[in-house]
């Protein structure tokens, strides 16, 4: 029912509610999705860049074999290096929904909760958000994603031990990729 990355199932009530809420927040001007859209754009641009770079790389190798020119060898080496860099970025950076929500700078507060209630969010999500907002004044959209994820997994009947293991895997992945997603250097 769920993917191997333990994300929200596409098409589920929780996924659809979360995505439609974020889109309506953007339409109303309550949220800027510049970084979110940048990550979504990279998801499509990088594979296209890999294809074109690979084609030019093979063309440069062909020219080197046919003409034996030093310039085509240098071009082939440069394109090979570019291809390796782009493939590395594509393999390191996750393009899942969680990383996109991690890129949203906005905060989720009480007013956002009221708008989410009008959006017909599931009751268990609303209860968990209210509990989380009692501890602090606002939530990040990454934390909001985590609440939706937790509620979707518990409603699917996942037992506590497996849920803890999945959550640990998510947090480990998020912490490992934080320097890449936030631009930090450690």
Protein backbone atom coordinates (compact mmCIF):
# COMPACT_ATOMS: atom_id res chain seq x y z
CA UNK A 1 0.00 0.00 0.00
CA UNK A 2 2.86 2.39 0.74
CA UNK A 3 6.09 2.93 -1.14
CA UNK A 4 9.44 1.65 0.06
CA UNK A 5 10.34 5.15 1.25
CA UNK A 6 7.39 5.12 3.65
CA UNK A 7 5.91 8.33 2.32
CA UNK A 8 2.31 9.35 2.02
CA UNK A 9 0.52 7.18 -0.52
CA UNK A 10 -0.34 9.20 -3.60
CA UNK A 11 -4.09 9.44 -3.96
CA UNK A 12 -4.87 8.73 -0.32
CA UNK A 13 -7.18 10.99 1.67
CA UNK A 14 -4.23 12.33 3.66
CA UNK A 15 -2.06 13.01 0.61
CA UNK A 16 -4.84 14.72 -1.33
CA UNK A 17 -5.84 16.87 1.65
CA UNK A 18 -2.26 17.99 2.29
CA UNK A 19 -1.51 18.81 -1.35
CA UNK A 20 -4.79 20.66 -1.92
CA UNK A 21 -4.30 22.62 1.30
CA UNK A 22 -0.82 23.76 0.27
CA UNK A 23 -2.07 24.72 -3.19
CA UNK A 24 -4.94 26.73 -1.72
CA UNK A 25 -2.55 28.45 0.69
CA UNK A 26 -0.40 29.43 -2.26
CA UNK A 27 -3.40 30.67 -4.24
CA UNK A 28 -4.55 32.80 -1.30
CA UNK A 29 -1.08 34.30 -0.91
CA UNK A 30 -0.47 32.83 2.54
CA UNK A 31 2.51 30.80 1.41
CA UNK A 32 5.45 31.21 -0.94
CA UNK A 33 6.42 28.02 -2.73
CA UNK A 34 9.53 29.29 -4.49
CA UNK A 35 11.92 26.69 -3.04
CA UNK A 36 9.23 24.00 -3.23
CA UNK A 37 8.74 24.68 -6.94
CA UNK A 38 12.51 24.81 -7.47
CA UNK A 39 12.89 21.28 -6.10
CA UNK A 40 9.95 20.08 -8.18
CA UNK A 41 11.52 21.69 -11.24
CA UNK A 42 14.89 20.05 -10.55
CA UNK A 43 13.12 16.71 -10.49
CA UNK A 44 12.38 17.13 -14.20
CA UNK A 45 15.31 19.24 -15.36
CA UNK A 46 18.14 17.01 -14.09
CA UNK A 47 17.14 13.87 -16.03
CA UNK A 48 16.73 15.93 -19.21
CA UNK A 49 20.14 17.48 -18.57
CA UNK A 50 21.61 14.00 -18.12
CA UNK A 51 20.17 12.85 -21.44
CA UNK A 52 21.52 15.84 -23.37
CA UNK A 53 24.91 15.72 -21.66
CA UNK A 54 25.15 12.00 -22.36
CA UNK A 55 24.35 12.53 -26.04
CA UNK A 56 26.96 15.29 -26.37
CA UNK A 57 29.45 13.15 -24.44
CA UNK A 58 29.00 10.26 -26.86
CA UNK A 59 29.24 12.69 -29.79
CA UNK A 60 32.52 14.09 -28.45
CA UNK A 61 33.93 10.58 -28.04
CA UNK A 62 32.88 9.76 -31.59
CA UNK A 63 34.59 12.91 -32.89
CA UNK A 64 37.73 12.03 -30.96
CA UNK A 65 37.79 8.56 -32.49
CA UNK A 66 37.11 9.82 -36.03
CA UNK A 67 39.25 12.98 -36.03
CA UNK A 68 41.74 12.22 -33.22
CA UNK A 69 41.69 15.87 -32.22
CA UNK A 70 42.74 17.06 -28.81
CA UNK A 71 39.81 19.47 -28.60
CA UNK A 72 37.23 16.69 -28.85
CA UNK A 73 39.11 14.76 -26.14
CA UNK A 74 38.98 17.80 -23.82
CA UNK A 75 35.28 18.28 -24.59
CA UNK A 76 34.61 14.59 -23.89
CA UNK A 77 36.45 14.81 -20.55
CA UNK A 78 34.57 17.97 -19.55
CA UNK A 79 31.21 16.50 -20.52
CA UNK A 80 32.05 13.27 -18.69
CA UNK A 81 32.83 15.26 -15.55
CA UNK A 82 29.60 17.23 -15.92
CA UNK A 83 27.70 13.99 -16.39
CA UNK A 84 29.21 12.53 -13.21
CA UNK A 85 28.35 15.67 -11.22
CA UNK A 86 24.74 15.75 -12.42
CA UNK A 87 24.32 12.01 -11.77
CA UNK A 88 25.75 12.48 -8.27
CA UNK A 89 23.31 15.28 -7.52
CA UNK A 90 20.45 13.19 -8.84
CA UNK A 91 21.44 10.19 -6.73
CA UNK A 92 22.07 12.15 -3.51
CA UNK A 93 19.13 14.51 -3.45
CA UNK A 94 15.70 12.98 -2.78
CA UNK A 95 12.84 14.44 -4.77
CA UNK A 96 10.06 13.07 -2.61
CA UNK A 97 7.20 15.00 -1.10
CA UNK A 98 8.91 15.18 2.28
CA UNK A 99 11.94 17.03 0.90
CA UNK A 100 9.66 19.41 -0.98
CA UNK A 101 7.80 20.23 2.23
CA UNK A 102 11.15 20.64 3.97
CA UNK A 103 11.89 23.46 1.50
CA UNK A 104 8.79 25.50 2.43
CA UNK A 105 9.83 28.42 4.61
CA UNK A 106 6.38 29.32 5.89
CA UNK A 107 5.03 28.45 9.32
CA UNK A 108 1.78 26.71 10.25
CA UNK A 109 -0.12 28.51 13.02
CA UNK A 110 -3.63 28.69 14.52
CA UNK A 111 -5.04 30.60 11.55
CA UNK A 112 -3.63 27.98 9.20
CA UNK A 113 -5.29 25.31 11.34
CA UNK A 114 -8.67 26.99 10.89
CA UNK A 115 -8.15 27.07 7.12
CA UNK A 116 -7.13 23.39 7.21
CA UNK A 117 -10.33 22.54 9.13
CA UNK A 118 -12.37 24.25 6.41
CA UNK A 119 -10.45 22.09 3.92
CA UNK A 120 -12.04 18.93 5.42
CA UNK A 121 -8.88 17.49 6.91
CA UNK A 122 -9.22 14.14 8.71
CA UNK A 123 -10.11 14.42 12.40
CA UNK A 124 -7.06 12.53 13.61
CA UNK A 125 -4.81 15.00 11.79
CA UNK A 126 -6.59 17.97 13.37
CA UNK A 127 -6.25 16.41 16.84
CA UNK A 128 -2.52 15.79 16.38
CA UNK A 129 -1.95 19.32 15.05
CA UNK A 130 -3.79 20.83 18.02
CA UNK A 131 -1.59 18.80 20.39
CA UNK A 132 1.53 19.94 18.54
CA UNK A 133 0.44 23.59 18.53
CA UNK A 134 -0.10 23.45 22.31
CA UNK A 135 3.61 22.70 22.74
CA UNK A 136 4.70 25.58 20.50
CA UNK A 137 3.07 28.47 18.72
CA UNK A 138 3.84 27.34 15.18
CA UNK A 139 4.85 24.28 13.18
CA UNK A 140 7.02 24.01 10.13
CA UNK A 141 5.54 22.44 7.04
CA UNK A 142 7.98 19.59 7.49
CA UNK A 143 6.40 18.91 10.88
CA UNK A 144 2.96 19.19 9.28
CA UNK A 145 3.99 16.54 6.75
CA UNK A 146 5.18 14.34 9.62
CA UNK A 147 1.78 14.63 11.33
CA UNK A 148 -0.05 13.70 8.14
CA UNK A 149 2.37 10.79 7.65
CA UNK A 150 1.89 9.54 11.22
CA UNK A 151 -1.89 9.70 11.00
CA UNK A 152 -1.96 7.98 7.63
CA UNK A 153 0.24 5.15 8.88
CA UNK A 154 -1.75 4.62 12.09
CA UNK A 155 -5.04 4.63 10.17
CA UNK A 156 -3.55 1.99 7.85
CA UNK A 157 -3.08 -0.23 10.90
CA UNK A 158 0.70 -0.17 11.19
CA UNK A 159 1.86 -1.43 14.59
CA UNK A 160 3.99 0.69 16.90
CA UNK A 161 7.29 -1.15 16.41
CA UNK A 162 7.19 -0.91 12.63
CA UNK A 163 6.02 2.69 12.81
CA UNK A 164 9.00 3.56 15.01
CA UNK A 165 11.41 1.89 12.58
CA UNK A 166 9.92 3.75 9.61
CA UNK A 167 10.05 7.05 11.48
CA UNK A 168 13.67 6.43 12.45
CA UNK A 169 14.54 5.77 8.79
CA UNK A 170 12.85 9.02 7.76
CA UNK A 171 14.62 11.10 10.39
CA UNK A 172 17.97 9.51 9.57
CA UNK A 173 17.52 10.31 5.89
CA UNK A 174 16.43 13.89 6.64
CA UNK A 175 19.40 14.54 8.94
CA UNK A 176 21.84 12.98 6.48
CA UNK A 177 20.55 15.16 3.63
CA UNK A 178 20.17 18.40 5.58
CA UNK A 179 23.49 19.86 4.33
CA UNK A 180 22.33 19.32 0.75
CA UNK A 181 18.79 20.62 1.18
CA UNK A 182 19.55 23.65 3.32
CA UNK A 183 22.87 24.66 1.79
CA UNK A 184 24.83 24.03 4.99
CA UNK A 185 28.40 22.87 4.92
CA UNK A 186 29.59 20.62 7.70
